[in-house]
Amino acid sequence: MILPHPESDLTLNIMVLGVGIVEQLKEQDFVLVEKLMVEFLEKNKKRTPEMFLNSLTFLYSCGMIEKKGYKVKLTPRKEVQMKLNVKNEKCWSDYFQKQIYY
């Protein structure tokens, strides 16, 4: 389990910043990365371009966004993403057992 430093600012956590990017992309189709970064940086003076790129990389590696040239958009939800949103631990373990053994 990852434990943040007790004095760290959780609003600057990569996952929290990723949620902000998802919120920006919700109602839009493909958006220029530069435009998205400008909006991202304007929301909080403590945010940096490096934080933006790390959050964008995190979202891409999770399969939440797709890219096309210099533009990004949210990906449509897939069956695997729907299963991972289940909060029942038994369902999680069943899902991973199926993935490992089949």
C-alpha atoms as a PDB file:
ATOM      1  CA  MET A   1       0.000   0.000   0.000  1.00  0.00           C
ATOM      2  CA  ILE A   2       1.340   3.418  -0.921  1.00  0.00           C
ATOM      3  CA  LEU A   3       1.215   5.883   1.950  1.00  0.00           C
ATOM      4  CA  PRO A   4       1.626   9.557   1.138  1.00  0.00           C
ATOM      5  CA  HIS A   5       3.776  11.770   3.316  1.00  0.00           C
ATOM      6  CA  PRO A   6       1.620  13.218   6.144  1.00  0.00           C
ATOM      7  CA  GLU A   7       2.399  16.773   5.074  1.00  0.00           C
ATOM      8  CA  SER A   8       1.947  16.244   1.332  1.00  0.00           C
ATOM      9  CA  ASP A   9      -0.691  18.134  -0.619  1.00  0.00           C
ATOM     10  CA  LEU A  10      -3.122  15.507  -1.908  1.00  0.00           C
ATOM     11  CA  THR A  11      -4.464  17.885  -4.539  1.00  0.00           C
ATOM     12  CA  LEU A  12      -1.132  17.422  -6.337  1.00  0.00           C
ATOM     13  CA  ASN A  13      -1.384  13.619  -6.420  1.00  0.00           C
ATOM     14  CA  ILE A  14      -1.177  12.138  -9.938  1.00  0.00           C
ATOM     15  CA  MET A  15      -4.507  10.317  -9.597  1.00  0.00           C
ATOM     16  CA  VAL A  16      -6.295  13.411  -8.303  1.00  0.00           C
ATOM     17  CA  LEU A  17      -4.829  15.492 -11.114  1.00  0.00           C
ATOM     18  CA  GLY A  18      -5.889  12.776 -13.564  1.00  0.00           C
ATOM     19  CA  VAL A  19      -9.489  13.137 -12.416  1.00  0.00           C
ATOM     20  CA  GLY A  20      -9.273  16.853 -13.227  1.00  0.00           C
ATOM     21  CA  ILE A  21      -8.093  16.035 -16.748  1.00  0.00           C
ATOM     22  CA  VAL A  22     -10.921  13.518 -17.162  1.00  0.00           C
ATOM     23  CA  GLU A  23     -13.403  16.197 -16.065  1.00  0.00           C
ATOM     24  CA  GLN A  24     -11.986  18.540 -18.718  1.00  0.00           C
ATOM     25  CA  LEU A  25     -12.321  15.873 -21.421  1.00  0.00           C
ATOM     26  CA  LYS A  26     -15.806  14.625 -20.492  1.00  0.00           C
ATOM     27  CA  GLU A  27     -17.842  16.784 -22.825  1.00  0.00           C
ATOM     28  CA  GLN A  28     -15.314  17.193 -25.619  1.00  0.00           C
ATOM     29  CA  ASP A  29     -14.084  15.121 -28.518  1.00  0.00           C
ATOM     30  CA  PHE A  30     -10.387  15.238 -29.453  1.00  0.00           C
ATOM     31  CA  VAL A  31      -8.637  18.158 -27.720  1.00  0.00           C
ATOM     32  CA  LEU A  32      -5.170  19.549 -28.368  1.00  0.00           C
ATOM     33  CA  VAL A  33      -2.788  18.551 -25.597  1.00  0.00           C
ATOM     34  CA  GLU A  34      -1.443  22.107 -25.412  1.00  0.00           C
ATOM     35  CA  LYS A  35      -4.914  23.578 -24.852  1.00  0.00           C
ATOM     36  CA  LEU A  36      -5.635  20.953 -22.214  1.00  0.00           C
ATOM     37  CA  MET A  37      -2.350  21.739 -20.446  1.00  0.00           C
ATOM     38  CA  VAL A  38      -3.055  25.488 -20.397  1.00  0.00           C
ATOM     39  CA  GLU A  39      -6.458  24.861 -18.762  1.00  0.00           C
ATOM     40  CA  PHE A  40      -4.840  22.405 -16.343  1.00  0.00           C
ATOM     41  CA  LEU A  41      -2.144  24.870 -15.261  1.00  0.00           C
ATOM     42  CA  GLU A  42      -4.601  27.749 -14.826  1.00  0.00           C
ATOM     43  CA  LYS A  43      -6.615  25.857 -12.198  1.00  0.00           C
ATOM     44  CA  ASN A  44      -3.845  25.890  -9.570  1.00  0.00           C
ATOM     45  CA  LYS A  45      -0.590  27.840  -9.420  1.00  0.00           C
ATOM     46  CA  LYS A  46       1.214  24.869  -7.814  1.00  0.00           C
ATOM     47  CA  ARG A  47       0.650  22.657 -10.872  1.00  0.00           C
ATOM     48  CA  THR A  48       3.529  22.160 -13.284  1.00  0.00           C
ATOM     49  CA  PRO A  49       3.815  20.876 -16.868  1.00  0.00           C
ATOM     50  CA  GLU A  50       5.631  17.820 -15.490  1.00  0.00           C
ATOM     51  CA  MET A  51       2.609  16.984 -13.296  1.00  0.00           C
ATOM     52  CA  PHE A  52       0.357  17.332 -16.325  1.00  0.00           C
ATOM     53  CA  LEU A  53       2.467  14.965 -18.422  1.00  0.00           C
ATOM     54  CA  ASN A  54       2.717  12.431 -15.584  1.00  0.00           C
ATOM     55  CA  SER A  55      -1.059  12.506 -15.099  1.00  0.00           C
ATOM     56  CA  LEU A  56      -1.662  12.193 -18.834  1.00  0.00           C
ATOM     57  CA  THR A  57       0.735   9.228 -18.987  1.00  0.00           C
ATOM     58  CA  PHE A  58      -1.078   7.630 -16.048  1.00  0.00           C
ATOM     59  CA  LEU A  59      -4.453   8.010 -17.777  1.00  0.00           C
ATOM     60  CA  TYR A  60      -3.081   6.624 -21.040  1.00  0.00           C
ATOM     61  CA  SER A  61      -1.526   3.608 -19.316  1.00  0.00           C
ATOM     62  CA  CYS A  62      -4.860   2.879 -17.596  1.00  0.00           C
ATOM     63  CA  GLY A  63      -6.645   2.997 -20.946  1.00  0.00           C
ATOM     64  CA  MET A  64      -8.742   6.035 -20.023  1.00  0.00           C
ATOM     65  CA  ILE A  65      -7.632   8.204 -22.933  1.00  0.00           C
ATOM     66  CA  GLU A  66      -6.581   7.674 -26.519  1.00  0.00           C
ATOM     67  CA  LYS A  67      -4.388   9.849 -28.685  1.00  0.00           C
ATOM     68  CA  LYS A  68      -4.506  10.901 -32.292  1.00  0.00           C
ATOM     69  CA  GLY A  69      -1.561  13.027 -33.306  1.00  0.00           C
ATOM     70  CA  TYR A  70      -1.348  15.875 -30.801  1.00  0.00           C
ATOM     71  CA  LYS A  71      -4.928  15.407 -29.608  1.00  0.00           C
ATOM     72  CA  VAL A  72      -6.440  13.247 -26.856  1.00  0.00           C
ATOM     73  CA  LYS A  73      -9.952  12.158 -25.879  1.00  0.00           C
ATOM     74  CA  LEU A  74     -11.633   9.868 -23.377  1.00  0.00           C
ATOM     75  CA  THR A  75     -12.002   6.297 -24.553  1.00  0.00           C
ATOM     76  CA  PRO A  76     -15.413   4.674 -24.574  1.00  0.00           C
ATOM     77  CA  ARG A  77     -15.901   2.395 -21.569  1.00  0.00           C
ATOM     78  CA  LYS A  78     -15.129  -1.217 -22.393  1.00  0.00           C
ATOM     79  CA  GLU A  79     -16.327  -4.416 -20.757  1.00  0.00           C
ATOM     80  CA  VAL A  80     -13.064  -4.835 -18.832  1.00  0.00           C
ATOM     81  CA  GLN A  81     -13.319  -1.292 -17.453  1.00  0.00           C
ATOM     82  CA  MET A  82     -16.914  -1.968 -16.402  1.00  0.00           C
ATOM     83  CA  LYS A  83     -15.861  -5.116 -14.513  1.00  0.00           C
ATOM     84  CA  LEU A  84     -13.041  -3.293 -12.740  1.00  0.00           C
ATOM     85  CA  ASN A  85     -15.512  -0.739 -11.372  1.00  0.00           C
ATOM     86  CA  VAL A  86     -17.267  -3.408  -9.327  1.00  0.00           C
ATOM     87  CA  LYS A  87     -16.759  -2.753  -5.618  1.00  0.00           C
ATOM     88  CA  ASN A  88     -17.370  -6.332  -4.473  1.00  0.00           C
ATOM     89  CA  GLU A  89     -14.056  -7.989  -3.562  1.00  0.00           C
ATOM     90  CA  LYS A  90     -15.381 -11.429  -4.491  1.00  0.00           C
ATOM     91  CA  CYS A  91     -16.051 -10.174  -8.014  1.00  0.00           C
ATOM     92  CA  TRP A  92     -12.535  -8.740  -8.172  1.00  0.00           C
ATOM     93  CA  SER A  93     -10.974 -12.038  -7.125  1.00  0.00           C
ATOM     94  CA  ASP A  94     -13.174 -13.984  -9.578  1.00  0.00           C
ATOM     95  CA  TYR A  95     -12.172 -11.615 -12.369  1.00  0.00           C
ATOM     96  CA  PHE A  96      -8.441 -11.966 -11.686  1.00  0.00           C
ATOM     97  CA  GLN A  97      -8.647 -15.747 -11.263  1.00  0.00           C
ATOM     98  CA  LYS A  98     -10.299 -16.009 -14.659  1.00  0.00           C
ATOM     99  CA  GLN A  99      -7.587 -13.831 -16.173  1.00  0.00           C
ATOM    100  CA  ILE A 100      -4.793 -15.905 -14.608  1.00  0.00           C
ATOM    101  CA  TYR A 101      -6.125 -19.413 -15.173  1.00  0.00           C
ATOM    102  CA  TYR A 102      -7.850 -19.100 -18.563  1.00  0.00           C
END
